[in-house]
Structures are given as structure tokens and as C-alpha cells.
């Protein structure tokens, strides 16, 4: 009889340990973007990164999704780099100059590919969790209840189609209000990197 009770409890209790990932993601999006404004997002983010050694880096990131516009202005010490994509048209300047030496180009990675990488990076991180609905994002079907940094969370595991990316991401959703509170990613999870 104890075995039957244990089996019934495991069957009935398992939904408490893991939930449908799509449902958890939907509730998290409702929490973070209840008015559905992400597709129409237009704002400038002001970010200061304190460096352990050396000067801080100040970044102003403009994302204008409806107009397909992105601008990143980074100031670190005496160096100012502006990167811009306007409907795919790329412009880059270093300390106000749009022409630079090969050495400057390599040192500061002044390429349009790098500018696109920054656009994708900032729209991904600041568009979470809404970006998890993008094409190419592959959400595991179940979100187990998991302990992470001494708190209980629903953990969403997301991988990506090969042409999108190869990292494995974990998103930690508060089980009470569905706020996305933490994330981590691995380039190679088996190496715990």
C-alpha cells in the first residue's frame, strides 16, 4: 500500500516540481511587458560599468525597434566610440572621427560586424524575457523548480538553432510573481564554463 501511495504522490506532486515552460514564459512576459510594448520599444539606456582596474565605461544605448535604429556610444577614459545601425546602414566613429588607422580599427574592433553583435547583444539582454519567443529560440518543454543562489525558481532552459547561436542559457523565474530574476549561460556546459 505504501508503494501505491508513493506512486500516486509522485504522479500528483510532479506538476509542482516542473511546469510547462511555454506557460511559465508567457506569465513572465506578462509580468515584464504587460502592455505588450516590446515590439514598439524606443528608448535610450544609460549604463555605467565599474571596472575593477582602470576607468569605468559609460555606455548610452539607443534602441528604436520600429525604425530599425540602434546606436551605442561608449566612453572609457579619453576614448569615445560611436556605433550606429540605421535600417542596416552602418556608421562608426572614434573620438568623433569616421576615418581611423588600421591599428585603431583592430584595437577597438571598429567593424560593422562588431556593431551588429552589440545591437544583437543589447536587444537580447534588455529584451528579456520577450526575446525568448524569437524564431530560433528552442525552449525545453518543462521548467523544473530548481534552487539557484539559495532561492527557488522555475528554470527555463533555452538552446538555439545552429544559425542563431550555440550557447545554452538558463533563465530563473520567480515562482510567485514570474519575474525573471537571474540567468546564466554556457559556451560549453560540459566544461562548466
N, C-alpha and C. Protein backbone atom coordinates (compact mmCIF):
# COMPACT_ATOMS: atom_id res chain seq x y z
N UNK A 1 0.82 -1.20 0.00
CA UNK A 1 0.00 0.00 0.00
C UNK A 1 0.86 1.26 0.00
N UNK A 2 2.00 1.20 0.73
CA UNK A 2 2.90 2.36 0.77
C UNK A 2 3.45 2.65 -0.62
N UNK A 3 3.76 1.60 -1.39
CA UNK A 3 4.30 1.78 -2.74
C UNK A 3 3.27 2.47 -3.63
N UNK A 4 2.02 2.05 -3.53
CA UNK A 4 0.96 2.66 -4.33
C UNK A 4 0.78 4.14 -3.95
N UNK A 5 0.84 4.44 -2.66
CA UNK A 5 0.72 5.83 -2.21
C UNK A 5 1.87 6.68 -2.73
N UNK A 6 3.07 6.10 -2.72
CA UNK A 6 4.25 6.81 -3.21
C UNK A 6 4.12 7.08 -4.71
N UNK A 7 3.66 6.10 -5.46
CA UNK A 7 3.50 6.27 -6.90
C UNK A 7 2.44 7.34 -7.19
N UNK A 8 1.33 7.30 -6.47
CA UNK A 8 0.27 8.30 -6.65
C UNK A 8 0.80 9.69 -6.30
N UNK A 9 1.55 9.79 -5.18
CA UNK A 9 2.11 11.09 -4.79
C UNK A 9 3.08 11.59 -5.85
N UNK A 10 3.95 10.74 -6.36
CA UNK A 10 4.89 11.16 -7.39
C UNK A 10 4.15 11.64 -8.63
N UNK A 11 3.08 10.96 -9.00
CA UNK A 11 2.30 11.35 -10.17
C UNK A 11 1.60 12.69 -9.94
N UNK A 12 1.00 12.86 -8.75
CA UNK A 12 0.26 14.08 -8.46
C UNK A 12 1.17 15.25 -8.09
N UNK A 13 2.31 14.96 -7.45
CA UNK A 13 3.20 16.03 -6.99
C UNK A 13 4.16 16.51 -8.08
N UNK A 14 4.41 15.70 -9.10
CA UNK A 14 5.39 16.09 -10.12
C UNK A 14 5.06 17.41 -10.81
N UNK A 15 3.76 17.76 -11.03
CA UNK A 15 3.50 19.07 -11.62
C UNK A 15 3.98 20.23 -10.74
N UNK A 16 4.09 20.00 -9.42
CA UNK A 16 4.59 21.05 -8.55
C UNK A 16 6.09 21.24 -8.72
N UNK A 17 6.77 20.20 -9.17
CA UNK A 17 8.22 20.27 -9.33
C UNK A 17 8.62 20.80 -10.70
N UNK A 18 7.80 20.60 -11.70
CA UNK A 18 8.09 21.09 -13.05
C UNK A 18 6.79 21.54 -13.70
N UNK A 19 6.86 22.63 -14.41
CA UNK A 19 5.70 23.17 -15.10
C UNK A 19 6.02 23.28 -16.59
N UNK A 20 5.00 23.53 -17.36
CA UNK A 20 5.16 23.73 -18.79
C UNK A 20 5.95 25.03 -19.03
N UNK A 21 7.08 24.92 -19.73
CA UNK A 21 7.95 26.08 -19.96
C UNK A 21 7.25 27.20 -20.71
N UNK A 22 6.48 26.87 -21.72
CA UNK A 22 5.80 27.90 -22.50
C UNK A 22 4.84 28.70 -21.63
N UNK A 23 4.16 28.04 -20.70
CA UNK A 23 3.25 28.72 -19.79
C UNK A 23 4.02 29.63 -18.83
N UNK A 24 5.14 29.15 -18.31
CA UNK A 24 5.96 29.96 -17.40
C UNK A 24 6.49 31.18 -18.15
N UNK A 25 6.98 30.98 -19.37
CA UNK A 25 7.49 32.10 -20.17
C UNK A 25 6.38 33.11 -20.44
N UNK A 26 5.21 32.66 -20.79
CA UNK A 26 4.08 33.56 -21.05
C UNK A 26 3.76 34.41 -19.82
N UNK A 27 3.76 33.78 -18.65
CA UNK A 27 3.48 34.53 -17.41
C UNK A 27 4.60 35.51 -17.10
N UNK A 28 5.83 35.15 -17.40
CA UNK A 28 6.95 36.05 -17.17
C UNK A 28 6.88 37.25 -18.12
N UNK A 29 6.51 37.01 -19.36
CA UNK A 29 6.34 38.12 -20.31
C UNK A 29 5.20 39.03 -19.86
N UNK A 30 4.11 38.43 -19.36
CA UNK A 30 3.01 39.24 -18.83
C UNK A 30 3.48 40.11 -17.65
N UNK A 31 4.38 39.57 -16.84
CA UNK A 31 4.91 40.34 -15.71
C UNK A 31 5.79 41.50 -16.20
N UNK A 32 6.70 41.24 -17.13
CA UNK A 32 7.67 42.24 -17.57
C UNK A 32 7.14 43.21 -18.63
N UNK A 33 6.20 42.77 -19.43
CA UNK A 33 5.70 43.60 -20.52
C UNK A 33 4.17 43.47 -20.61
N UNK A 34 3.47 43.87 -19.55
CA UNK A 34 2.01 43.64 -19.52
C UNK A 34 1.26 44.38 -20.62
N UNK A 35 1.81 45.48 -21.13
CA UNK A 35 1.14 46.25 -22.17
C UNK A 35 1.60 45.86 -23.57
N UNK A 36 2.53 44.91 -23.67
CA UNK A 36 3.00 44.46 -24.98
C UNK A 36 3.75 45.52 -25.76
N UNK A 37 4.58 46.31 -25.09
CA UNK A 37 5.27 47.42 -25.76
C UNK A 37 6.61 47.03 -26.39
N UNK A 38 7.13 45.83 -26.10
CA UNK A 38 8.44 45.47 -26.63
C UNK A 38 8.54 45.62 -28.16
N UNK A 39 7.57 45.21 -28.96
CA UNK A 39 7.71 45.38 -30.41
C UNK A 39 7.81 46.86 -30.83
N UNK A 40 7.34 47.78 -29.99
CA UNK A 40 7.36 49.21 -30.31
C UNK A 40 8.39 49.97 -29.47
N UNK A 41 9.33 49.23 -28.87
CA UNK A 41 10.28 49.81 -27.92
C UNK A 41 11.14 50.89 -28.57
N UNK A 42 11.19 52.06 -27.90
CA UNK A 42 12.04 53.19 -28.32
C UNK A 42 12.56 53.84 -27.05
N UNK A 43 13.86 53.69 -26.78
CA UNK A 43 14.42 54.27 -25.55
C UNK A 43 15.93 54.32 -25.64
N UNK A 44 16.50 55.11 -24.74
CA UNK A 44 17.95 55.14 -24.59
C UNK A 44 18.27 54.69 -23.18
N UNK A 45 19.16 53.73 -23.08
CA UNK A 45 19.60 53.19 -21.80
C UNK A 45 20.94 53.84 -21.46
N UNK A 46 21.12 54.23 -20.22
CA UNK A 46 22.34 54.85 -19.75
C UNK A 46 23.00 53.88 -18.77
N UNK A 47 24.14 53.32 -19.14
CA UNK A 47 24.76 52.23 -18.38
C UNK A 47 26.18 52.63 -18.00
N UNK A 48 26.53 52.47 -16.74
CA UNK A 48 27.90 52.69 -16.30
C UNK A 48 28.42 51.38 -15.72
N UNK A 49 29.53 50.93 -16.27
CA UNK A 49 30.17 49.69 -15.83
C UNK A 49 31.42 50.05 -15.07
N UNK A 50 31.45 49.71 -13.78
CA UNK A 50 32.63 49.95 -12.96
C UNK A 50 33.65 48.85 -13.22
N UNK A 51 34.83 49.24 -13.62
CA UNK A 51 35.89 48.28 -13.92
C UNK A 51 36.73 48.06 -12.66
N UNK A 52 37.14 46.80 -12.39
CA UNK A 52 37.96 46.54 -11.20
C UNK A 52 39.27 47.32 -11.21
N UNK A 53 39.88 47.43 -12.38
CA UNK A 53 41.12 48.19 -12.52
C UNK A 53 40.95 49.10 -13.73
N UNK A 54 41.19 50.37 -13.54
CA UNK A 54 41.07 51.29 -14.65
C UNK A 54 39.78 52.08 -14.60
N UNK A 55 39.57 52.91 -15.62
CA UNK A 55 38.38 53.77 -15.62
C UNK A 55 37.09 53.00 -15.88
N UNK A 56 35.98 53.58 -15.42
CA UNK A 56 34.67 52.98 -15.70
C UNK A 56 34.33 53.21 -17.17
N UNK A 57 33.38 52.41 -17.66
CA UNK A 57 32.92 52.57 -19.04
C UNK A 57 31.47 53.03 -19.01
N UNK A 58 31.21 54.13 -19.65
CA UNK A 58 29.86 54.68 -19.72
C UNK A 58 29.32 54.40 -21.12
N UNK A 59 28.15 53.80 -21.17
CA UNK A 59 27.53 53.47 -22.47
C UNK A 59 26.13 54.06 -22.53
N UNK A 60 25.80 54.64 -23.66
CA UNK A 60 24.44 55.07 -23.94
C UNK A 60 23.96 54.25 -25.12
N UNK A 61 22.91 53.47 -24.90
CA UNK A 61 22.40 52.54 -25.88
C UNK A 61 21.01 52.99 -26.32
N UNK A 62 20.87 53.31 -27.58
CA UNK A 62 19.56 53.70 -28.13
C UNK A 62 19.03 52.55 -28.97
N UNK A 63 17.85 52.10 -28.61
CA UNK A 63 17.16 51.03 -29.36
C UNK A 63 15.82 51.60 -29.81
N UNK A 64 15.61 51.60 -31.11
CA UNK A 64 14.35 52.07 -31.69
C UNK A 64 13.88 50.98 -32.64
N UNK A 65 13.14 50.02 -32.08
CA UNK A 65 12.73 48.86 -32.87
C UNK A 65 11.86 49.21 -34.08
N UNK A 66 10.84 50.08 -33.96
CA UNK A 66 10.00 50.35 -35.14
C UNK A 66 10.78 50.95 -36.31
N UNK A 67 11.79 51.75 -36.00
CA UNK A 67 12.56 52.41 -37.05
C UNK A 67 13.87 51.70 -37.38
N UNK A 68 14.05 50.49 -36.83
CA UNK A 68 15.25 49.68 -37.08
C UNK A 68 16.52 50.49 -36.87
N UNK A 69 16.57 51.18 -35.72
CA UNK A 69 17.70 52.06 -35.42
C UNK A 69 18.36 51.61 -34.13
N UNK A 70 19.70 51.60 -34.15
CA UNK A 70 20.49 51.25 -32.96
C UNK A 70 21.70 52.17 -32.91
N UNK A 71 21.98 52.70 -31.73
CA UNK A 71 23.20 53.50 -31.53
C UNK A 71 23.80 53.12 -30.18
N UNK A 72 25.12 52.95 -30.18
CA UNK A 72 25.87 52.70 -28.96
C UNK A 72 26.99 53.71 -28.90
N UNK A 73 26.99 54.51 -27.83
CA UNK A 73 28.09 55.44 -27.57
C UNK A 73 28.78 54.95 -26.30
N UNK A 74 30.06 54.60 -26.44
CA UNK A 74 30.85 54.12 -25.30
C UNK A 74 31.96 55.12 -25.01
N UNK A 75 32.07 55.48 -23.73
CA UNK A 75 33.12 56.39 -23.31
C UNK A 75 33.90 55.69 -22.20
N UNK A 76 35.19 55.51 -22.45
CA UNK A 76 36.08 54.89 -21.46
C UNK A 76 37.36 55.69 -21.45
N UNK A 77 37.61 56.36 -20.31
CA UNK A 77 38.78 57.23 -20.23
C UNK A 77 38.64 58.35 -21.25
N UNK A 78 39.65 58.51 -22.09
CA UNK A 78 39.65 59.56 -23.11
C UNK A 78 39.16 59.06 -24.47
N UNK A 79 38.63 57.85 -24.50
CA UNK A 79 38.21 57.26 -25.78
C UNK A 79 36.69 57.22 -25.87
N UNK A 80 36.17 57.70 -26.99
CA UNK A 80 34.74 57.68 -27.27
C UNK A 80 34.52 56.96 -28.60
N UNK A 81 33.67 55.92 -28.56
CA UNK A 81 33.34 55.18 -29.78
C UNK A 81 31.83 55.24 -29.97
N UNK A 82 31.43 55.64 -31.17
CA UNK A 82 30.01 55.65 -31.51
C UNK A 82 29.78 54.66 -32.65
N UNK A 83 28.82 53.78 -32.44
CA UNK A 83 28.44 52.78 -33.44
C UNK A 83 26.95 52.99 -33.73
N UNK A 84 26.58 52.91 -35.00
CA UNK A 84 25.18 53.14 -35.35
C UNK A 84 24.77 52.24 -36.50
N UNK A 85 23.55 51.71 -36.38
CA UNK A 85 22.90 50.98 -37.47
C UNK A 85 21.55 51.64 -37.69
N UNK A 86 21.35 52.14 -38.89
CA UNK A 86 20.09 52.79 -39.24
C UNK A 86 19.52 52.05 -40.45
N UNK A 87 18.55 51.17 -40.18
CA UNK A 87 17.97 50.31 -41.23
C UNK A 87 19.08 49.57 -42.00
N UNK A 88 20.07 49.11 -41.25
CA UNK A 88 21.16 48.34 -41.85
C UNK A 88 22.36 49.16 -42.27
N UNK A 89 22.20 50.49 -42.40
CA UNK A 89 23.32 51.35 -42.77
C UNK A 89 24.20 51.56 -41.54
N UNK A 90 25.48 51.20 -41.65
CA UNK A 90 26.40 51.20 -40.52
C UNK A 90 27.32 52.42 -40.55
N UNK A 91 27.46 53.08 -39.39
CA UNK A 91 28.40 54.19 -39.23
C UNK A 91 29.14 53.99 -37.92
N UNK A 92 30.44 54.27 -37.95
CA UNK A 92 31.28 54.13 -36.76
C UNK A 92 32.19 55.35 -36.67
N UNK A 93 32.36 55.85 -35.44
CA UNK A 93 33.33 56.93 -35.25
C UNK A 93 34.15 56.67 -33.98
N UNK A 94 35.38 57.12 -34.01
CA UNK A 94 36.31 57.01 -32.89
C UNK A 94 36.74 58.43 -32.55
N UNK A 95 36.40 58.87 -31.32
CA UNK A 95 36.71 60.23 -30.88
C UNK A 95 36.24 61.27 -31.90
N UNK A 96 35.07 61.04 -32.49
CA UNK A 96 34.47 61.97 -33.43
C UNK A 96 34.95 61.84 -34.86
N UNK A 97 35.92 60.97 -35.12
CA UNK A 97 36.45 60.80 -36.48
C UNK A 97 35.85 59.54 -37.11
N UNK A 98 35.47 59.64 -38.37
CA UNK A 98 34.93 58.46 -39.07
C UNK A 98 36.00 57.74 -39.88
N UNK A 99 37.21 58.28 -39.92
CA UNK A 99 38.33 57.59 -40.56
C UNK A 99 39.39 57.32 -39.51
N UNK A 100 39.91 56.10 -39.51
CA UNK A 100 40.89 55.71 -38.50
C UNK A 100 41.91 54.77 -39.10
N UNK A 101 43.01 54.62 -38.41
CA UNK A 101 44.09 53.77 -38.90
C UNK A 101 43.71 52.30 -38.74
N UNK A 102 44.44 51.44 -39.42
CA UNK A 102 44.22 50.01 -39.28
C UNK A 102 44.46 49.57 -37.84
N UNK A 103 45.46 50.17 -37.21
CA UNK A 103 45.77 49.85 -35.81
C UNK A 103 44.59 50.22 -34.90
N UNK A 104 44.02 51.40 -35.11
CA UNK A 104 42.86 51.81 -34.31
C UNK A 104 41.66 50.90 -34.58
N UNK A 105 41.46 50.54 -35.83
CA UNK A 105 40.36 49.66 -36.21
C UNK A 105 40.47 48.31 -35.50
N UNK A 106 41.67 47.76 -35.47
CA UNK A 106 41.87 46.46 -34.81
C UNK A 106 41.80 46.58 -33.30
N UNK A 107 42.43 47.59 -32.73
CA UNK A 107 42.45 47.77 -31.28
C UNK A 107 41.04 47.92 -30.71
N UNK A 108 40.20 48.70 -31.38
CA UNK A 108 38.86 49.00 -30.87
C UNK A 108 37.75 48.19 -31.56
N UNK A 109 38.15 47.27 -32.44
CA UNK A 109 37.20 46.41 -33.16
C UNK A 109 36.12 47.25 -33.86
N UNK A 110 36.58 48.16 -34.67
CA UNK A 110 35.70 49.12 -35.34
C UNK A 110 35.20 48.56 -36.66
N UNK A 111 34.30 47.57 -36.56
CA UNK A 111 33.74 46.94 -37.75
C UNK A 111 32.22 46.94 -37.65
N UNK A 112 31.58 46.82 -38.80
CA UNK A 112 30.11 46.73 -38.82
C UNK A 112 29.64 45.41 -38.23
N UNK A 113 30.41 44.35 -38.41
CA UNK A 113 30.03 43.07 -37.79
C UNK A 113 30.00 43.20 -36.27
N UNK A 114 30.98 43.91 -35.70
CA UNK A 114 31.02 44.12 -34.26
C UNK A 114 29.83 45.00 -33.82
N UNK A 115 29.49 45.98 -34.62
CA UNK A 115 28.34 46.84 -34.32
C UNK A 115 27.05 46.02 -34.31
N UNK A 116 26.89 45.12 -35.27
CA UNK A 116 25.70 44.24 -35.31
C UNK A 116 25.68 43.32 -34.09
N UNK A 117 26.86 42.84 -33.68
CA UNK A 117 26.94 41.98 -32.50
C UNK A 117 26.45 42.76 -31.27
N UNK A 118 26.88 44.02 -31.13
CA UNK A 118 26.43 44.83 -30.00
C UNK A 118 24.92 45.07 -30.06
N UNK A 119 24.39 45.35 -31.23
CA UNK A 119 22.94 45.53 -31.36
C UNK A 119 22.20 44.28 -30.90
N UNK A 120 22.66 43.13 -31.38
CA UNK A 120 22.02 41.87 -31.00
C UNK A 120 22.16 41.60 -29.51
N UNK A 121 23.33 41.89 -28.97
CA UNK A 121 23.60 41.68 -27.54
C UNK A 121 22.67 42.53 -26.68
N UNK A 122 22.62 43.83 -26.94
CA UNK A 122 21.81 44.72 -26.10
C UNK A 122 20.31 44.49 -26.29
N UNK A 123 19.87 44.25 -27.51
CA UNK A 123 18.43 43.99 -27.68
C UNK A 123 18.04 42.65 -27.07
N UNK A 124 18.97 41.69 -27.06
CA UNK A 124 18.69 40.40 -26.41
C UNK A 124 18.58 40.58 -24.91
N UNK A 125 19.62 41.11 -24.28
CA UNK A 125 19.62 41.20 -22.82
C UNK A 125 18.53 42.11 -22.28
N UNK A 126 18.31 43.25 -22.92
CA UNK A 126 17.30 44.18 -22.41
C UNK A 126 15.90 43.87 -22.94
N UNK A 127 15.81 42.90 -23.84
CA UNK A 127 14.51 42.47 -24.35
C UNK A 127 14.03 41.18 -23.70
N UNK A 128 14.75 40.73 -22.68
CA UNK A 128 14.32 39.50 -21.98
C UNK A 128 13.15 39.80 -21.07
N UNK A 129 12.25 38.89 -20.90
CA UNK A 129 12.19 37.55 -21.47
C UNK A 129 11.49 37.48 -22.83
N UNK A 130 11.07 38.64 -23.36
CA UNK A 130 10.31 38.63 -24.62
C UNK A 130 11.11 38.02 -25.77
N UNK A 131 12.43 38.22 -25.76
CA UNK A 131 13.28 37.70 -26.83
C UNK A 131 13.29 36.17 -26.88
N UNK A 132 12.83 35.52 -25.84
CA UNK A 132 12.81 34.05 -25.83
C UNK A 132 11.73 33.49 -26.73
N UNK A 133 10.87 34.36 -27.26
CA UNK A 133 9.87 33.93 -28.24
C UNK A 133 10.36 34.07 -29.67
N UNK A 134 11.56 34.60 -29.86
CA UNK A 134 12.10 34.80 -31.21
C UNK A 134 12.30 33.47 -31.92
N UNK A 135 12.22 33.54 -33.24
CA UNK A 135 12.49 32.36 -34.06
C UNK A 135 13.92 31.91 -33.81
N UNK A 136 14.10 30.62 -33.69
CA UNK A 136 15.43 30.06 -33.43
C UNK A 136 15.66 29.73 -31.97
N UNK A 137 14.89 30.35 -31.05
CA UNK A 137 14.99 30.02 -29.63
C UNK A 137 14.25 28.70 -29.39
N UNK A 138 14.93 27.76 -28.78
CA UNK A 138 14.35 26.43 -28.54
C UNK A 138 14.20 26.23 -27.03
N UNK A 139 12.98 26.32 -26.57
CA UNK A 139 12.64 26.23 -25.16
C UNK A 139 12.37 24.78 -24.80
N UNK A 140 13.09 24.27 -23.76
CA UNK A 140 12.76 22.92 -23.28
C UNK A 140 11.30 22.90 -22.85
N UNK A 141 10.67 21.75 -22.93
CA UNK A 141 9.24 21.68 -22.67
C UNK A 141 8.87 21.86 -21.20
N UNK A 142 9.76 21.45 -20.27
CA UNK A 142 9.45 21.56 -18.84
C UNK A 142 10.37 22.54 -18.15
N UNK A 143 9.82 23.23 -17.17
CA UNK A 143 10.58 24.16 -16.33
C UNK A 143 10.59 23.59 -14.91
N UNK A 144 11.67 22.91 -14.54
CA UNK A 144 11.71 22.34 -13.19
C UNK A 144 11.86 23.42 -12.13
N UNK A 145 11.32 23.15 -10.96
CA UNK A 145 11.54 24.01 -9.81
C UNK A 145 12.94 23.69 -9.31
N UNK A 146 13.81 24.69 -9.25
CA UNK A 146 15.22 24.50 -9.01
C UNK A 146 15.71 25.51 -7.99
N UNK A 147 16.68 25.11 -7.19
CA UNK A 147 17.32 26.06 -6.27
C UNK A 147 18.52 26.66 -6.99
N UNK A 148 18.59 27.99 -7.00
CA UNK A 148 19.70 28.72 -7.61
C UNK A 148 20.04 29.89 -6.71
N UNK A 149 21.28 29.98 -6.28
CA UNK A 149 21.74 31.03 -5.37
C UNK A 149 20.81 31.14 -4.16
N UNK A 150 20.51 29.98 -3.59
CA UNK A 150 19.72 29.84 -2.36
C UNK A 150 18.27 30.29 -2.48
N UNK A 151 17.73 30.36 -3.71
CA UNK A 151 16.32 30.67 -3.90
C UNK A 151 15.70 29.64 -4.83
N UNK A 152 14.40 29.43 -4.68
CA UNK A 152 13.66 28.52 -5.56
C UNK A 152 13.19 29.29 -6.80
N UNK A 153 13.39 28.67 -7.96
CA UNK A 153 12.97 29.26 -9.22
C UNK A 153 12.45 28.18 -10.16
N UNK A 154 11.61 28.60 -11.10
CA UNK A 154 11.39 27.78 -12.28
C UNK A 154 12.57 28.06 -13.20
N UNK A 155 13.18 27.01 -13.70
CA UNK A 155 14.34 27.18 -14.57
C UNK A 155 13.95 26.85 -16.01
N UNK A 156 14.07 27.85 -16.88
CA UNK A 156 13.82 27.65 -18.30
C UNK A 156 15.16 27.39 -18.98
N UNK A 157 15.24 26.32 -19.72
CA UNK A 157 16.45 26.03 -20.49
C UNK A 157 16.17 26.39 -21.95
N UNK A 158 17.08 27.18 -22.53
CA UNK A 158 16.91 27.62 -23.91
C UNK A 158 18.20 27.34 -24.68
N UNK A 159 18.03 26.66 -25.79
CA UNK A 159 19.12 26.47 -26.74
C UNK A 159 18.69 27.17 -28.03
N UNK A 160 19.59 27.23 -28.98
CA UNK A 160 19.28 27.96 -30.20
C UNK A 160 19.61 27.14 -31.43
N UNK A 161 18.86 27.39 -32.49
CA UNK A 161 19.14 26.77 -33.78
C UNK A 161 20.56 27.17 -34.18
N UNK A 162 21.26 26.29 -34.87
CA UNK A 162 22.66 26.48 -35.21
C UNK A 162 23.00 27.82 -35.82
N UNK A 163 22.15 28.33 -36.69
CA UNK A 163 22.45 29.61 -37.34
C UNK A 163 22.28 30.81 -36.40
N UNK A 164 21.61 30.59 -35.25
CA UNK A 164 21.37 31.67 -34.29
C UNK A 164 22.47 31.72 -33.24
N UNK A 165 22.85 30.56 -32.70
CA UNK A 165 23.87 30.51 -31.66
C UNK A 165 24.02 29.13 -31.08
N UNK A 166 25.09 28.93 -30.35
CA UNK A 166 25.34 27.60 -29.80
C UNK A 166 25.38 27.57 -28.27
N UNK A 167 25.21 28.72 -27.63
CA UNK A 167 25.24 28.75 -26.17
C UNK A 167 23.99 28.11 -25.59
N UNK A 168 24.12 27.62 -24.36
CA UNK A 168 22.99 27.08 -23.61
C UNK A 168 22.68 28.09 -22.51
N UNK A 169 21.44 28.54 -22.45
CA UNK A 169 21.02 29.55 -21.47
C UNK A 169 20.03 28.94 -20.48
N UNK A 170 20.12 29.41 -19.23
CA UNK A 170 19.17 29.07 -18.19
C UNK A 170 18.62 30.37 -17.62
N UNK A 171 17.29 30.44 -17.54
CA UNK A 171 16.61 31.63 -17.03
C UNK A 171 15.84 31.22 -15.78
N UNK A 172 15.99 32.00 -14.72
CA UNK A 172 15.42 31.67 -13.42
C UNK A 172 14.25 32.61 -13.13
N UNK A 173 13.06 32.01 -13.08
CA UNK A 173 11.80 32.74 -12.95
C UNK A 173 11.24 32.56 -11.55
N UNK A 174 10.93 33.67 -10.89
CA UNK A 174 10.33 33.64 -9.56
C UNK A 174 8.99 32.90 -9.64
N UNK A 175 8.80 31.85 -8.83
CA UNK A 175 7.56 31.06 -8.93
C UNK A 175 6.33 31.77 -8.37
N UNK A 176 6.52 32.87 -7.68
CA UNK A 176 5.38 33.60 -7.11
C UNK A 176 4.84 34.65 -8.06
N UNK A 177 5.74 35.51 -8.60
CA UNK A 177 5.26 36.59 -9.46
C UNK A 177 5.72 36.47 -10.91
N UNK A 178 6.56 35.47 -11.21
CA UNK A 178 7.06 35.16 -12.56
C UNK A 178 8.06 36.19 -13.08
N UNK A 179 8.69 36.94 -12.17
CA UNK A 179 9.75 37.86 -12.57
C UNK A 179 10.98 37.06 -12.98
N UNK A 180 11.62 37.46 -14.05
CA UNK A 180 12.91 36.91 -14.43
C UNK A 180 13.94 37.57 -13.53
N UNK A 181 14.57 36.77 -12.66
CA UNK A 181 15.46 37.35 -11.65
C UNK A 181 16.93 37.03 -11.89
N UNK A 182 17.23 36.01 -12.67
CA UNK A 182 18.63 35.65 -12.90
C UNK A 182 18.73 34.84 -14.19
N UNK A 183 19.91 34.81 -14.75
CA UNK A 183 20.18 33.95 -15.89
C UNK A 183 21.65 33.58 -15.88
N UNK A 184 21.97 32.52 -16.59
CA UNK A 184 23.35 32.10 -16.79
C UNK A 184 23.42 31.43 -18.15
N UNK A 185 24.62 31.41 -18.71
CA UNK A 185 24.77 30.73 -19.98
C UNK A 185 26.12 30.03 -20.03
N UNK A 186 26.19 29.04 -20.89
CA UNK A 186 27.41 28.26 -21.08
C UNK A 186 27.75 28.23 -22.57
N UNK A 187 29.03 28.42 -22.85
CA UNK A 187 29.51 28.14 -24.21
C UNK A 187 29.66 26.64 -24.36
N UNK A 188 30.12 25.99 -23.28
CA UNK A 188 30.31 24.53 -23.25
C UNK A 188 29.93 24.07 -21.84
N UNK A 189 28.69 23.63 -21.70
CA UNK A 189 28.19 23.26 -20.36
C UNK A 189 28.97 22.12 -19.75
N UNK A 190 29.43 21.18 -20.57
CA UNK A 190 30.20 20.04 -20.04
C UNK A 190 31.51 20.50 -19.41
N UNK A 191 32.06 21.64 -19.84
CA UNK A 191 33.28 22.19 -19.26
C UNK A 191 32.98 23.15 -18.11
N UNK A 192 31.69 23.35 -17.83
CA UNK A 192 31.23 24.26 -16.76
C UNK A 192 31.84 25.65 -16.92
N UNK A 193 31.84 26.13 -18.16
CA UNK A 193 32.45 27.44 -18.42
C UNK A 193 31.46 28.57 -18.26
